[in-house]
Amino acid sequence: MLSYIKRKLSESDSGSVSASTAVTSSSCGGTSGSGSGISASGSNSSGSISSSGGRGNSADELVRKTSQMSMDDEAIAFGEDALLHELGYRNATDLQETIYDLLRGIRDPEKPCTLEDLNVIYEEGIFVMPPTRSNVSVVRIEFNPTVPHCSLATLIGLCIRVKVERGLPHNIKLDIYIKKGAHQTEEEINKQINDKERIAAAMENPNLRELVENCIKDEE
């Protein structure tokens, strides 16, 4: 009887060990499962990365399309460019070139040359400035008399003003100045050719008006 009990206890211990082993094995399986979980997590992570990659691709596509829009001729303009577009110009350079084309053929009052030939007018002397508060385009034109005591500098300035105002199909604020240091009485001349009343009075003089018309008329 005693031997039977010992045998049963022994079998019980063996069962416990087997159960323990099974539990341990199960635990290892759990670890493996956990490993599978990591793998699954890895799969999820991979899925997440793939999804993120999809979002990244979408973002890249959006940037590409935006870049194309910004380079397109129909892109929306703001500020000064918008005003220039309304007037029919692509940008400030386009307006600058348009004005230069108007001025380059003006003839010198005394010499058989144009103001371009004498370098009195030059493209670098035309500046498109910020518009006024009332949204009017401002252009500054600088010219360089051939000599510091040129007696016809005022007439040249008047020719420049009349040519531009007649040649452009829209209103702009035009400021005309002698190049700094290029004339002995530049300040006085600058006042005269930018004073509306003086300009109007000068153009009422038949002889002066004829001189201006001869200088600015287009070549046939």
N, C-alpha and C. Protein backbone atom coordinates (compact mmCIF):
# COMPACT_ATOMS: atom_id res chain seq x y z
N MET A 1 0.83 -1.21 0.00
CA MET A 1 0.00 0.00 0.00
C MET A 1 0.85 1.24 0.00
N LEU A 2 1.86 1.22 0.83
CA LEU A 2 2.79 2.34 0.93
C LEU A 2 3.50 2.53 -0.39
N SER A 3 3.89 1.41 -0.98
CA SER A 3 4.58 1.52 -2.26
C SER A 3 3.64 2.06 -3.34
N TYR A 4 2.38 1.76 -3.26
CA TYR A 4 1.39 2.25 -4.21
C TYR A 4 1.23 3.76 -4.10
N ILE A 5 1.18 4.21 -2.80
CA ILE A 5 1.06 5.66 -2.56
C ILE A 5 2.27 6.39 -3.10
N LYS A 6 3.50 5.84 -2.85
CA LYS A 6 4.72 6.48 -3.32
C LYS A 6 4.71 6.56 -4.86
N ARG A 7 4.20 5.46 -5.47
CA ARG A 7 4.17 5.44 -6.92
C ARG A 7 3.23 6.51 -7.46
N LYS A 8 2.09 6.67 -6.79
CA LYS A 8 1.13 7.68 -7.21
C LYS A 8 1.69 9.09 -7.05
N LEU A 9 2.39 9.27 -5.89
CA LEU A 9 3.01 10.59 -5.66
C LEU A 9 4.05 10.87 -6.73
N SER A 10 4.78 9.78 -7.07
CA SER A 10 5.81 9.94 -8.09
C SER A 10 5.17 10.31 -9.42
N GLU A 11 4.08 9.61 -9.74
CA GLU A 11 3.37 9.94 -10.98
C GLU A 11 2.82 11.35 -10.95
N SER A 12 2.35 11.77 -9.77
CA SER A 12 1.83 13.13 -9.61
C SER A 12 2.91 14.17 -9.85
N ASP A 13 4.13 13.88 -9.28
CA ASP A 13 5.25 14.80 -9.48
C ASP A 13 5.62 14.89 -10.96
N SER A 14 5.61 13.69 -11.59
CA SER A 14 5.94 13.68 -13.01
C SER A 14 4.92 14.48 -13.82
N GLY A 15 3.67 14.34 -13.41
CA GLY A 15 2.61 15.09 -14.08
C GLY A 15 2.78 16.58 -13.90
N SER A 16 3.20 16.93 -12.66
CA SER A 16 3.41 18.36 -12.40
C SER A 16 4.53 18.90 -13.25
N VAL A 17 5.60 18.04 -13.34
CA VAL A 17 6.75 18.47 -14.15
C VAL A 17 6.33 18.61 -15.60
N SER A 18 5.54 17.61 -16.07
CA SER A 18 5.07 17.68 -17.46
C SER A 18 4.19 18.90 -17.68
N ALA A 19 3.31 19.14 -16.68
CA ALA A 19 2.44 20.30 -16.78
C ALA A 19 3.25 21.58 -16.80
N SER A 20 4.28 21.57 -15.89
CA SER A 20 5.15 22.75 -15.84
C SER A 20 5.86 22.95 -17.16
N THR A 21 6.31 21.77 -17.68
CA THR A 21 6.99 21.84 -18.98
C THR A 21 6.05 22.35 -20.05
N ALA A 22 4.80 21.84 -19.96
CA ALA A 22 3.80 22.28 -20.94
C ALA A 22 3.53 23.76 -20.82
N VAL A 23 3.46 24.22 -19.54
CA VAL A 23 3.25 25.66 -19.31
C VAL A 23 4.40 26.45 -19.87
N THR A 24 5.63 25.90 -19.54
CA THR A 24 6.82 26.60 -20.05
C THR A 24 6.80 26.64 -21.56
N SER A 25 6.45 25.47 -22.13
CA SER A 25 6.36 25.40 -23.58
C SER A 25 5.33 26.37 -24.11
N SER A 26 4.21 26.41 -23.36
CA SER A 26 3.15 27.33 -23.75
C SER A 26 3.63 28.76 -23.68
N SER A 27 4.41 29.00 -22.54
CA SER A 27 4.96 30.35 -22.39
C SER A 27 5.89 30.67 -23.53
N CYS A 28 6.72 29.69 -23.91
CA CYS A 28 7.62 29.92 -25.03
C CYS A 28 6.82 30.19 -26.29
N GLY A 29 5.71 29.39 -26.39
CA GLY A 29 4.83 29.63 -27.54
C GLY A 29 4.29 31.04 -27.49
N GLY A 30 3.98 31.48 -26.25
CA GLY A 30 3.51 32.86 -26.09
C GLY A 30 4.57 33.83 -26.53
N THR A 31 5.82 33.49 -26.16
CA THR A 31 6.91 34.36 -26.59
C THR A 31 6.98 34.37 -28.09
N SER A 32 6.84 33.10 -28.60
CA SER A 32 6.84 33.02 -30.06
C SER A 32 5.68 33.82 -30.62
N GLY A 33 4.54 33.66 -29.89
CA GLY A 33 3.37 34.44 -30.31
C GLY A 33 3.66 35.91 -30.21
N SER A 34 4.38 36.23 -29.09
CA SER A 34 4.74 37.64 -28.95
C SER A 34 5.64 38.07 -30.10
N GLY A 35 6.55 37.07 -30.42
CA GLY A 35 7.41 37.34 -31.57
C GLY A 35 6.57 37.54 -32.81
N SER A 36 5.53 36.65 -32.90
CA SER A 36 4.64 36.83 -34.04
C SER A 36 3.96 38.18 -33.96
N GLY A 37 3.65 38.55 -32.69
CA GLY A 37 3.04 39.87 -32.50
C GLY A 37 3.97 40.95 -32.97
N ILE A 38 5.26 40.79 -32.66
CA ILE A 38 6.24 41.77 -33.13
C ILE A 38 6.26 41.78 -34.64
N SER A 39 6.24 40.49 -35.16
CA SER A 39 6.22 40.39 -36.60
C SER A 39 4.97 41.04 -37.17
N ALA A 40 3.85 40.77 -36.49
CA ALA A 40 2.60 41.39 -36.93
C ALA A 40 2.69 42.90 -36.79
N SER A 41 3.32 43.27 -35.62
CA SER A 41 3.50 44.70 -35.41
C SER A 41 4.37 45.27 -36.51
N GLY A 42 5.41 44.42 -36.81
CA GLY A 42 6.28 44.85 -37.90
C GLY A 42 5.50 44.98 -39.19
N SER A 43 4.58 43.99 -39.37
CA SER A 43 3.75 44.07 -40.57
C SER A 43 2.89 45.31 -40.54
N ASN A 44 2.33 45.57 -39.33
CA ASN A 44 1.52 46.77 -39.19
C ASN A 44 2.35 48.01 -39.44
N SER A 45 3.58 47.97 -38.87
CA SER A 45 4.47 49.12 -39.06
C SER A 45 4.75 49.30 -40.54
N SER A 46 4.99 48.11 -41.18
CA SER A 46 5.26 48.17 -42.61
C SER A 46 4.06 48.74 -43.34
N GLY A 47 2.87 48.29 -42.88
CA GLY A 47 1.65 48.82 -43.49
C GLY A 47 1.54 50.30 -43.25
N SER A 48 1.90 50.69 -42.04
CA SER A 48 1.84 52.12 -41.70
C SER A 48 2.80 52.90 -42.57
N ILE A 49 4.03 52.33 -42.74
CA ILE A 49 5.02 53.01 -43.57
C ILE A 49 4.52 53.11 -45.00
N SER A 50 3.93 52.01 -45.46
CA SER A 50 3.40 52.03 -46.82
C SER A 50 2.34 53.10 -46.96
N SER A 51 1.47 53.20 -45.94
CA SER A 51 0.43 54.22 -45.96
C SER A 51 1.04 55.61 -45.93
N SER A 52 2.09 55.76 -45.07
CA SER A 52 2.77 57.05 -44.98
C SER A 52 3.42 57.39 -46.30
N GLY A 53 3.99 56.31 -46.93
CA GLY A 53 4.59 56.53 -48.24
C GLY A 53 3.56 57.01 -49.24
N GLY A 54 2.33 56.48 -49.11
CA GLY A 54 1.26 56.92 -49.99
C GLY A 54 0.95 58.39 -49.78
N ARG A 55 0.91 58.77 -48.50
CA ARG A 55 0.66 60.19 -48.20
C ARG A 55 1.79 61.05 -48.72
N GLY A 56 3.04 60.50 -48.58
CA GLY A 56 4.20 61.24 -49.07
C GLY A 56 4.12 61.46 -50.57
N ASN A 57 3.70 60.38 -51.28
CA ASN A 57 3.55 60.49 -52.73
C ASN A 57 2.50 61.53 -53.10
N SER A 58 1.41 61.53 -52.34
CA SER A 58 0.35 62.52 -52.59
C SER A 58 0.87 63.93 -52.38
N ALA A 59 1.67 64.11 -51.32
CA ALA A 59 2.24 65.43 -51.04
C ALA A 59 3.19 65.85 -52.15
N ASP A 60 4.02 64.89 -52.63
CA ASP A 60 4.94 65.20 -53.73
C ASP A 60 4.18 65.60 -54.98
N GLU A 61 3.08 64.90 -55.24
CA GLU A 61 2.27 65.21 -56.40
C GLU A 61 1.67 66.61 -56.30
N LEU A 62 1.24 66.97 -55.09
CA LEU A 62 0.67 68.30 -54.87
C LEU A 62 1.71 69.38 -55.10
N VAL A 63 2.94 69.15 -54.59
CA VAL A 63 4.03 70.12 -54.78
C VAL A 63 4.34 70.27 -56.26
N ARG A 64 4.36 69.12 -56.97
CA ARG A 64 4.67 69.17 -58.39
C ARG A 64 3.63 69.97 -59.16
N LYS A 65 2.35 69.73 -58.86
CA LYS A 65 1.29 70.45 -59.54
C LYS A 65 1.33 71.94 -59.21
N THR A 66 1.64 72.25 -57.94
CA THR A 66 1.72 73.67 -57.53
C THR A 66 2.85 74.36 -58.26
N SER A 67 3.98 73.65 -58.41
CA SER A 67 5.12 74.22 -59.12
C SER A 67 4.77 74.49 -60.56
N GLN A 68 4.03 73.55 -61.17
CA GLN A 68 3.62 73.75 -62.55
C GLN A 68 2.72 74.96 -62.69
N MET A 69 1.82 75.13 -61.71
CA MET A 69 0.91 76.27 -61.74
C MET A 69 1.67 77.57 -61.63
N SER A 70 2.70 77.59 -60.77
CA SER A 70 3.45 78.82 -60.55
C SER A 70 4.24 79.22 -61.80
N MET A 71 4.57 78.21 -62.65
CA MET A 71 5.32 78.51 -63.86
C MET A 71 4.40 78.77 -65.05
N ASP A 72 3.14 78.56 -64.87
CA ASP A 72 2.21 78.71 -65.97
C ASP A 72 1.93 80.20 -66.23
N ASP A 73 1.69 80.54 -67.48
CA ASP A 73 1.43 81.94 -67.83
C ASP A 73 0.17 82.47 -67.18
N GLU A 74 -0.74 81.57 -66.82
CA GLU A 74 -2.00 82.00 -66.24
C GLU A 74 -1.96 82.04 -64.72
N ALA A 75 -0.75 81.93 -64.15
CA ALA A 75 -0.65 81.95 -62.69
C ALA A 75 -1.18 83.28 -62.14
N ILE A 76 -1.75 83.22 -60.96
CA ILE A 76 -2.34 84.41 -60.35
C ILE A 76 -1.25 85.38 -59.93
N ALA A 77 -1.38 86.65 -60.27
CA ALA A 77 -0.40 87.67 -59.91
C ALA A 77 -0.91 88.48 -58.73
N PHE A 78 0.03 89.00 -57.95
CA PHE A 78 -0.32 89.80 -56.78
C PHE A 78 0.39 91.13 -56.84
N GLY A 79 -0.18 92.14 -56.15
CA GLY A 79 0.50 93.43 -55.98
C GLY A 79 0.79 94.13 -57.30
N GLU A 80 2.04 94.57 -57.46
CA GLU A 80 2.44 95.33 -58.64
C GLU A 80 2.25 94.52 -59.92
N ASP A 81 2.58 93.21 -59.87
CA ASP A 81 2.43 92.38 -61.06
C ASP A 81 0.97 92.31 -61.50
N ALA A 82 0.05 92.26 -60.54
CA ALA A 82 -1.37 92.21 -60.89
C ALA A 82 -1.77 93.48 -61.63
N LEU A 83 -1.28 94.62 -61.17
CA LEU A 83 -1.60 95.89 -61.82
C LEU A 83 -1.03 95.92 -63.23
N LEU A 84 0.20 95.46 -63.39
CA LEU A 84 0.83 95.44 -64.71
C LEU A 84 0.09 94.50 -65.65
N HIS A 85 -0.37 93.36 -65.11
CA HIS A 85 -1.15 92.42 -65.93
C HIS A 85 -2.44 93.07 -66.42
N GLU A 86 -3.07 93.84 -65.56
CA GLU A 86 -4.30 94.53 -65.95
C GLU A 86 -4.05 95.52 -67.08
N LEU A 87 -2.85 96.11 -67.09
CA LEU A 87 -2.51 97.08 -68.13
C LEU A 87 -2.02 96.41 -69.41
N GLY A 88 -1.82 95.08 -69.36
CA GLY A 88 -1.42 94.34 -70.55
C GLY A 88 0.05 93.98 -70.62
N TYR A 89 0.77 94.08 -69.50
CA TYR A 89 2.20 93.76 -69.48
C TYR A 89 2.46 92.48 -68.69
N ARG A 90 3.45 91.72 -69.12
CA ARG A 90 3.79 90.48 -68.40
C ARG A 90 4.41 90.79 -67.04
N ASN A 91 5.27 91.82 -67.01
CA ASN A 91 5.96 92.19 -65.79
C ASN A 91 6.56 93.59 -65.97
N ALA A 92 7.35 94.03 -64.98
CA ALA A 92 7.94 95.37 -65.04
C ALA A 92 8.91 95.51 -66.21
N THR A 93 9.64 94.46 -66.52
CA THR A 93 10.59 94.51 -67.64
C THR A 93 9.87 94.74 -68.95
N ASP A 94 8.70 94.13 -69.11
CA ASP A 94 7.91 94.30 -70.32
C ASP A 94 7.50 95.77 -70.50
N LEU A 95 7.07 96.41 -69.41
CA LEU A 95 6.71 97.83 -69.47
C LEU A 95 7.94 98.68 -69.76
N GLN A 96 9.05 98.35 -69.13
CA GLN A 96 10.30 99.09 -69.36
C GLN A 96 10.71 99.03 -70.83
N GLU A 97 10.63 97.86 -71.42
CA GLU A 97 11.01 97.70 -72.83
C GLU A 97 10.05 98.43 -73.75
N THR A 98 8.77 98.44 -73.40
CA THR A 98 7.77 99.15 -74.21
C THR A 98 8.07 100.65 -74.24
N ILE A 99 8.39 101.21 -73.08
CA ILE A 99 8.69 102.64 -73.01
C ILE A 99 9.99 102.96 -73.75
N TYR A 100 10.96 102.09 -73.62
CA TYR A 100 12.23 102.33 -74.32
C TYR A 100 12.03 102.33 -75.84
N ASP A 101 11.19 101.43 -76.33
CA ASP A 101 10.90 101.39 -77.76
C ASP A 101 10.24 102.68 -78.24
N LEU A 102 9.43 103.30 -77.36
CA LEU A 102 8.80 104.58 -77.71
C LEU A 102 9.84 105.70 -77.79
N LEU A 103 10.81 105.68 -76.89
CA LEU A 103 11.75 106.80 -76.75
C LEU A 103 12.97 106.72 -77.66
N ARG A 104 13.33 105.53 -78.04
CA ARG A 104 14.61 105.36 -78.74
C ARG A 104 14.67 106.11 -80.08
N GLY A 105 13.51 106.35 -80.70
CA GLY A 105 13.49 107.01 -82.00
C GLY A 105 13.33 108.52 -81.96
N ILE A 106 13.23 109.10 -80.76
CA ILE A 106 13.12 110.57 -80.67
C ILE A 106 14.40 111.20 -81.24
N ARG A 107 14.23 112.18 -82.09
CA ARG A 107 15.39 112.82 -82.71
C ARG A 107 15.91 113.97 -81.87
N ASP A 108 17.22 114.13 -81.90
CA ASP A 108 17.85 115.25 -81.19
C ASP A 108 17.44 116.55 -81.88
N PRO A 109 17.14 117.61 -81.11
CA PRO A 109 16.69 118.88 -81.71
C PRO A 109 17.71 119.53 -82.64
N GLU A 110 19.00 119.23 -82.46
CA GLU A 110 20.04 119.89 -83.26
C GLU A 110 20.79 118.95 -84.21
N LYS A 111 20.98 117.71 -83.79
CA LYS A 111 21.80 116.78 -84.58
C LYS A 111 20.93 115.76 -85.31
N PRO A 112 21.40 115.26 -86.44
CA PRO A 112 20.64 114.26 -87.20
C PRO A 112 20.80 112.86 -86.60
N CYS A 113 20.55 112.76 -85.34
CA CYS A 113 20.71 111.49 -84.61
C CYS A 113 19.51 111.30 -83.68
N THR A 114 19.31 110.09 -83.26
CA THR A 114 18.26 109.84 -82.27
C THR A 114 18.86 109.94 -80.86
N LEU A 115 17.98 110.03 -79.88
CA LEU A 115 18.46 110.08 -78.49
C LEU A 115 19.14 108.78 -78.09
N GLU A 116 18.74 107.68 -78.74
CA GLU A 116 19.42 106.40 -78.49
C GLU A 116 20.84 106.44 -79.05
N ASP A 117 20.99 106.97 -80.25
CA ASP A 117 22.32 107.06 -80.87
C ASP A 117 23.29 107.86 -79.99
N LEU A 118 22.78 108.91 -79.37
CA LEU A 118 23.63 109.79 -78.56
C LEU A 118 23.74 109.32 -77.10
N ASN A 119 23.08 108.21 -76.80
CA ASN A 119 23.06 107.67 -75.42
C ASN A 119 22.44 108.64 -74.42
N VAL A 120 21.55 109.50 -74.94
CA VAL A 120 20.79 110.38 -74.06
C VAL A 120 19.70 109.56 -73.36
N ILE A 121 19.16 108.62 -74.12
CA ILE A 121 18.18 107.67 -73.59
C ILE A 121 18.79 106.28 -73.59
N TYR A 122 18.61 105.54 -72.50
CA TYR A 122 19.15 104.18 -72.39
C TYR A 122 18.19 103.36 -71.54
N GLU A 123 18.13 102.08 -71.86
CA GLU A 123 17.14 101.22 -71.21
C GLU A 123 17.33 101.13 -69.70
N GLU A 124 18.58 101.20 -69.25
CA GLU A 124 18.86 101.12 -67.81
C GLU A 124 18.37 102.35 -67.05
N GLY A 125 18.01 103.40 -67.79
CA GLY A 125 17.52 104.63 -67.15
C GLY A 125 16.02 104.67 -66.99
N ILE A 126 15.34 103.56 -67.29
CA ILE A 126 13.89 103.50 -67.14
C ILE A 126 13.56 102.59 -65.97
N PHE A 127 12.87 103.14 -65.00
CA PHE A 127 12.59 102.40 -63.76
C PHE A 127 11.08 102.32 -63.51
N VAL A 128 10.59 101.11 -63.31
CA VAL A 128 9.19 100.91 -62.93
C VAL A 128 9.13 100.91 -61.41
N MET A 129 8.47 101.91 -60.84
CA MET A 129 8.44 102.10 -59.40
C MET A 129 7.15 101.51 -58.81
N PRO A 130 7.08 101.39 -57.46
CA PRO A 130 5.84 100.94 -56.83
C PRO A 130 4.69 101.88 -57.16
N PRO A 131 3.47 101.37 -57.34
CA PRO A 131 2.33 102.22 -57.70
C PRO A 131 1.95 103.18 -56.58
N THR A 132 1.17 104.18 -56.93
CA THR A 132 0.69 105.15 -55.94
C THR A 132 -0.40 104.50 -55.08
N ARG A 133 -0.84 105.21 -54.05
CA ARG A 133 -1.90 104.70 -53.18
C ARG A 133 -3.21 104.49 -53.93
N SER A 134 -3.39 105.26 -54.99
CA SER A 134 -4.60 105.10 -55.80
C SER A 134 -4.41 104.07 -56.91
N ASN A 135 -3.33 103.28 -56.81
CA ASN A 135 -3.05 102.16 -57.72
C ASN A 135 -2.78 102.61 -59.15
N VAL A 136 -1.96 103.66 -59.28
CA VAL A 136 -1.53 104.14 -60.59
C VAL A 136 -0.06 103.78 -60.75
N SER A 137 0.28 103.19 -61.90
CA SER A 137 1.67 102.80 -62.14
C SER A 137 2.58 104.04 -62.20
N VAL A 138 3.78 103.89 -61.66
CA VAL A 138 4.75 104.99 -61.64
C VAL A 138 6.00 104.56 -62.41
N VAL A 139 6.41 105.41 -63.34
CA VAL A 139 7.63 105.15 -64.12
C VAL A 139 8.55 106.35 -64.00
N ARG A 140 9.81 106.07 -63.71
CA ARG A 140 10.82 107.13 -63.61
C ARG A 140 11.77 106.98 -64.80
N ILE A 141 11.96 108.09 -65.53
CA ILE A 141 12.85 108.06 -66.69
C ILE A 141 14.01 109.03 -66.45
N GLU A 142 15.19 108.51 -66.59
CA GLU A 142 16.40 109.30 -66.41
C GLU A 142 17.05 109.49 -67.79
N PHE A 143 17.46 110.73 -68.10
CA PHE A 143 18.17 110.93 -69.37
C PHE A 143 19.46 111.72 -69.13
N ASN A 144 20.37 111.56 -70.08
CA ASN A 144 21.72 112.09 -69.90
C ASN A 144 22.06 113.07 -71.03
N PRO A 145 21.99 114.38 -70.79
CA PRO A 145 22.33 115.37 -71.83
C PRO A 145 23.75 115.14 -72.35
N THR A 146 23.97 115.50 -73.59
CA THR A 146 25.29 115.25 -74.19
C THR A 146 26.39 116.11 -73.56
N VAL A 147 26.01 117.29 -73.07
CA VAL A 147 27.00 118.16 -72.41
C VAL A 147 26.37 118.76 -71.15
N PRO A 148 27.17 119.11 -70.14
CA PRO A 148 26.62 119.62 -68.88
C PRO A 148 25.90 120.97 -69.00
N HIS A 149 26.15 121.69 -70.09
CA HIS A 149 25.50 122.99 -70.26
C HIS A 149 24.49 122.97 -71.41
N CYS A 150 23.98 121.79 -71.75
CA CYS A 150 23.04 121.64 -72.88
C CYS A 150 21.84 122.58 -72.71
N SER A 151 21.64 123.44 -73.70
CA SER A 151 20.55 124.42 -73.62
C SER A 151 19.21 123.82 -74.02
N LEU A 152 19.23 122.61 -74.57
CA LEU A 152 18.01 121.97 -75.04
C LEU A 152 17.54 120.85 -74.11
N ALA A 153 18.10 120.77 -72.94
CA ALA A 153 17.74 119.70 -72.00
C ALA A 153 16.26 119.76 -71.62
N THR A 154 15.74 120.97 -71.44
CA THR A 154 14.32 121.11 -71.09
C THR A 154 13.44 120.62 -72.24
N LEU A 155 13.81 120.97 -73.49
CA LEU A 155 13.06 120.52 -74.66
C LEU A 155 13.09 119.00 -74.78
N ILE A 156 14.24 118.40 -74.52
CA ILE A 156 14.37 116.94 -74.59
C ILE A 156 13.47 116.28 -73.55
N GLY A 157 13.47 116.84 -72.34
CA GLY A 157 12.60 116.31 -71.30
C GLY A 157 11.13 116.40 -71.68
N LEU A 158 10.76 117.50 -72.33
CA LEU A 158 9.38 117.69 -72.77
C LEU A 158 9.02 116.68 -73.86
N CYS A 159 9.95 116.43 -74.77
CA CYS A 159 9.72 115.45 -75.83
C CYS A 159 9.50 114.05 -75.25
N ILE A 160 10.29 113.72 -74.25
CA ILE A 160 10.16 112.41 -73.60
C ILE A 160 8.77 112.25 -72.98
N ARG A 161 8.34 113.29 -72.29
CA ARG A 161 7.03 113.22 -71.63
C ARG A 161 5.89 113.09 -72.64
N VAL A 162 5.89 113.92 -73.66
CA VAL A 162 4.81 113.90 -74.64
C VAL A 162 4.78 112.56 -75.39
N LYS A 163 5.96 112.04 -75.73
CA LYS A 163 6.03 110.78 -76.47
C LYS A 163 5.46 109.62 -75.67
N VAL A 164 5.81 109.54 -74.40
CA VAL A 164 5.32 108.44 -73.56
C VAL A 164 3.83 108.57 -73.30
N GLU A 165 3.38 109.78 -72.97
CA GLU A 165 1.96 109.97 -72.65
C GLU A 165 1.07 109.69 -73.86
N ARG A 166 1.56 110.00 -75.04
CA ARG A 166 0.78 109.72 -76.25
C ARG A 166 0.89 108.24 -76.67
N GLY A 167 2.02 107.65 -76.38
CA GLY A 167 2.27 106.29 -76.86
C GLY A 167 1.66 105.18 -76.03
N LEU A 168 1.39 105.45 -74.75
CA LEU A 168 0.79 104.42 -73.91
C LEU A 168 -0.72 104.58 -73.87
N PRO A 169 -1.45 103.48 -73.98
CA PRO A 169 -2.91 103.56 -74.02
C PRO A 169 -3.56 103.66 -72.64
N HIS A 170 -2.79 103.95 -71.64
CA HIS A 170 -3.33 104.03 -70.29
C HIS A 170 -2.59 105.11 -69.51
N ASN A 171 -3.13 105.46 -68.38
CA ASN A 171 -2.55 106.52 -67.56
C ASN A 171 -1.47 105.98 -66.64
N ILE A 172 -0.34 106.67 -66.59
CA ILE A 172 0.72 106.35 -65.62
C ILE A 172 1.25 107.66 -65.05
N LYS A 173 1.85 107.58 -63.88
CA LYS A 173 2.52 108.74 -63.29
C LYS A 173 3.96 108.72 -63.79
N LEU A 174 4.32 109.76 -64.51
CA LEU A 174 5.62 109.80 -65.16
C LEU A 174 6.53 110.84 -64.49
N ASP A 175 7.67 110.39 -64.00
CA ASP A 175 8.67 111.28 -63.40
C ASP A 175 9.91 111.26 -64.30
N ILE A 176 10.31 112.45 -64.76
CA ILE A 176 11.45 112.54 -65.68
C ILE A 176 12.55 113.37 -65.01
N TYR A 177 13.76 112.83 -65.03
CA TYR A 177 14.88 113.51 -64.36
C TYR A 177 16.15 113.41 -65.20
N ILE A 178 16.95 114.46 -65.08
CA ILE A 178 18.29 114.42 -65.66
C ILE A 178 19.17 113.55 -64.76
N LYS A 179 20.05 112.79 -65.39
CA LYS A 179 20.96 111.93 -64.62
C LYS A 179 21.74 112.78 -63.63
N LYS A 180 21.86 112.29 -62.42
CA LYS A 180 22.51 113.04 -61.35
C LYS A 180 23.92 113.49 -61.76
N GLY A 181 24.15 114.81 -61.66
CA GLY A 181 25.47 115.37 -61.96
C GLY A 181 25.76 115.58 -63.43
N ALA A 182 24.74 115.35 -64.31
CA ALA A 182 24.98 115.43 -65.75
C ALA A 182 24.71 116.82 -66.33
N HIS A 183 24.13 117.72 -65.54
CA HIS A 183 23.83 119.06 -66.06
C HIS A 183 24.02 120.11 -64.96
N GLN A 184 24.43 121.29 -65.38
CA GLN A 184 24.73 122.35 -64.41
C GLN A 184 23.48 122.84 -63.68
N THR A 185 22.34 122.82 -64.34
CA THR A 185 21.10 123.31 -63.71
C THR A 185 20.04 122.20 -63.65
N GLU A 186 20.46 121.01 -63.32
CA GLU A 186 19.56 119.85 -63.36
C GLU A 186 18.34 120.01 -62.44
N GLU A 187 18.53 120.61 -61.27
CA GLU A 187 17.40 120.73 -60.33
C GLU A 187 16.30 121.62 -60.90
N GLU A 188 16.67 122.73 -61.51
CA GLU A 188 15.69 123.64 -62.10
C GLU A 188 14.97 122.98 -63.29
N ILE A 189 15.74 122.29 -64.12
CA ILE A 189 15.15 121.62 -65.28
C ILE A 189 14.21 120.50 -64.83
N ASN A 190 14.60 119.77 -63.80
CA ASN A 190 13.74 118.69 -63.28
C ASN A 190 12.39 119.24 -62.82
N LYS A 191 12.41 120.40 -62.18
CA LYS A 191 11.16 121.03 -61.73
C LYS A 191 10.29 121.41 -62.92
N GLN A 192 10.91 121.95 -63.96
CA GLN A 192 10.15 122.40 -65.12
C GLN A 192 9.48 121.24 -65.85
N ILE A 193 10.19 120.16 -66.06
CA ILE A 193 9.64 119.07 -66.88
C ILE A 193 8.74 118.13 -66.08
N ASN A 194 8.57 118.41 -64.78
CA ASN A 194 7.64 117.63 -63.97
C ASN A 194 6.51 118.48 -63.39
N ASP A 195 6.42 119.71 -63.86
CA ASP A 195 5.36 120.62 -63.42
C ASP A 195 4.26 120.65 -64.48
N LYS A 196 3.08 120.17 -64.15
CA LYS A 196 1.99 120.06 -65.11
C LYS A 196 1.62 121.41 -65.72
N GLU A 197 1.59 122.46 -64.92
CA GLU A 197 1.19 123.78 -65.42
C GLU A 197 2.22 124.32 -66.40
N ARG A 198 3.50 124.14 -66.08
CA ARG A 198 4.54 124.62 -67.00
C ARG A 198 4.52 123.83 -68.31
N ILE A 199 4.26 122.54 -68.20
CA ILE A 199 4.20 121.71 -69.41
C ILE A 199 3.05 122.14 -70.30
N ALA A 200 1.89 122.36 -69.70
CA ALA A 200 0.71 122.79 -70.46
C ALA A 200 0.96 124.14 -71.13
N ALA A 201 1.61 125.06 -70.40
CA ALA A 201 1.90 126.38 -70.95
C ALA A 201 2.89 126.29 -72.11
N ALA A 202 3.88 125.40 -71.95
CA ALA A 202 4.88 125.24 -73.01
C ALA A 202 4.25 124.71 -74.28
N MET A 203 3.33 123.74 -74.16
CA MET A 203 2.71 123.14 -75.33
C MET A 203 1.71 124.07 -76.01
N GLU A 204 1.37 125.17 -75.35
CA GLU A 204 0.49 126.17 -75.97
C GLU A 204 1.29 127.12 -76.86
N ASN A 205 2.60 127.10 -76.71
CA ASN A 205 3.46 127.93 -77.55
C ASN A 205 3.62 127.24 -78.92
N PRO A 206 3.15 127.88 -80.00
CA PRO A 206 3.18 127.23 -81.32
C PRO A 206 4.57 126.81 -81.77
N ASN A 207 5.55 127.66 -81.56
CA ASN A 207 6.91 127.35 -82.01
C ASN A 207 7.50 126.17 -81.25
N LEU A 208 7.29 126.17 -79.93
CA LEU A 208 7.82 125.08 -79.11
C LEU A 208 7.09 123.77 -79.41
N ARG A 209 5.78 123.88 -79.63
CA ARG A 209 5.01 122.67 -79.94
C ARG A 209 5.47 122.06 -81.27
N GLU A 210 5.79 122.92 -82.25
CA GLU A 210 6.27 122.43 -83.54
C GLU A 210 7.61 121.70 -83.38
N LEU A 211 8.49 122.27 -82.54
CA LEU A 211 9.78 121.61 -82.29
C LEU A 211 9.58 120.22 -81.69
N VAL A 212 8.67 120.14 -80.72
CA VAL A 212 8.39 118.85 -80.07
C VAL A 212 7.84 117.85 -81.07
N GLU A 213 6.88 118.29 -81.88
CA GLU A 213 6.24 117.39 -82.85
C GLU A 213 7.26 116.85 -83.86
N ASN A 214 8.19 117.71 -84.29
CA ASN A 214 9.21 117.28 -85.24
C ASN A 214 10.17 116.25 -84.62
N CYS A 215 10.43 116.41 -83.33
CA CYS A 215 11.37 115.49 -82.67
C CYS A 215 10.73 114.12 -82.39
N ILE A 216 9.45 114.11 -82.09
CA ILE A 216 8.84 112.85 -81.64
C ILE A 216 8.08 112.11 -82.74
N LYS A 217 7.93 112.73 -83.93
CA LYS A 217 7.15 112.05 -84.97
C LYS A 217 7.87 110.79 -85.43
N ASP A 218 7.06 109.78 -85.76
CA ASP A 218 7.61 108.51 -86.20
C ASP A 218 8.21 108.64 -87.60
N GLU A 219 9.27 107.90 -87.84
CA GLU A 219 9.90 107.92 -89.14
C GLU A 219 8.99 107.24 -90.17
N GLU A 220 8.93 107.81 -91.34
CA GLU A 220 8.07 107.27 -92.39
C GLU A 220 8.80 106.18 -93.16
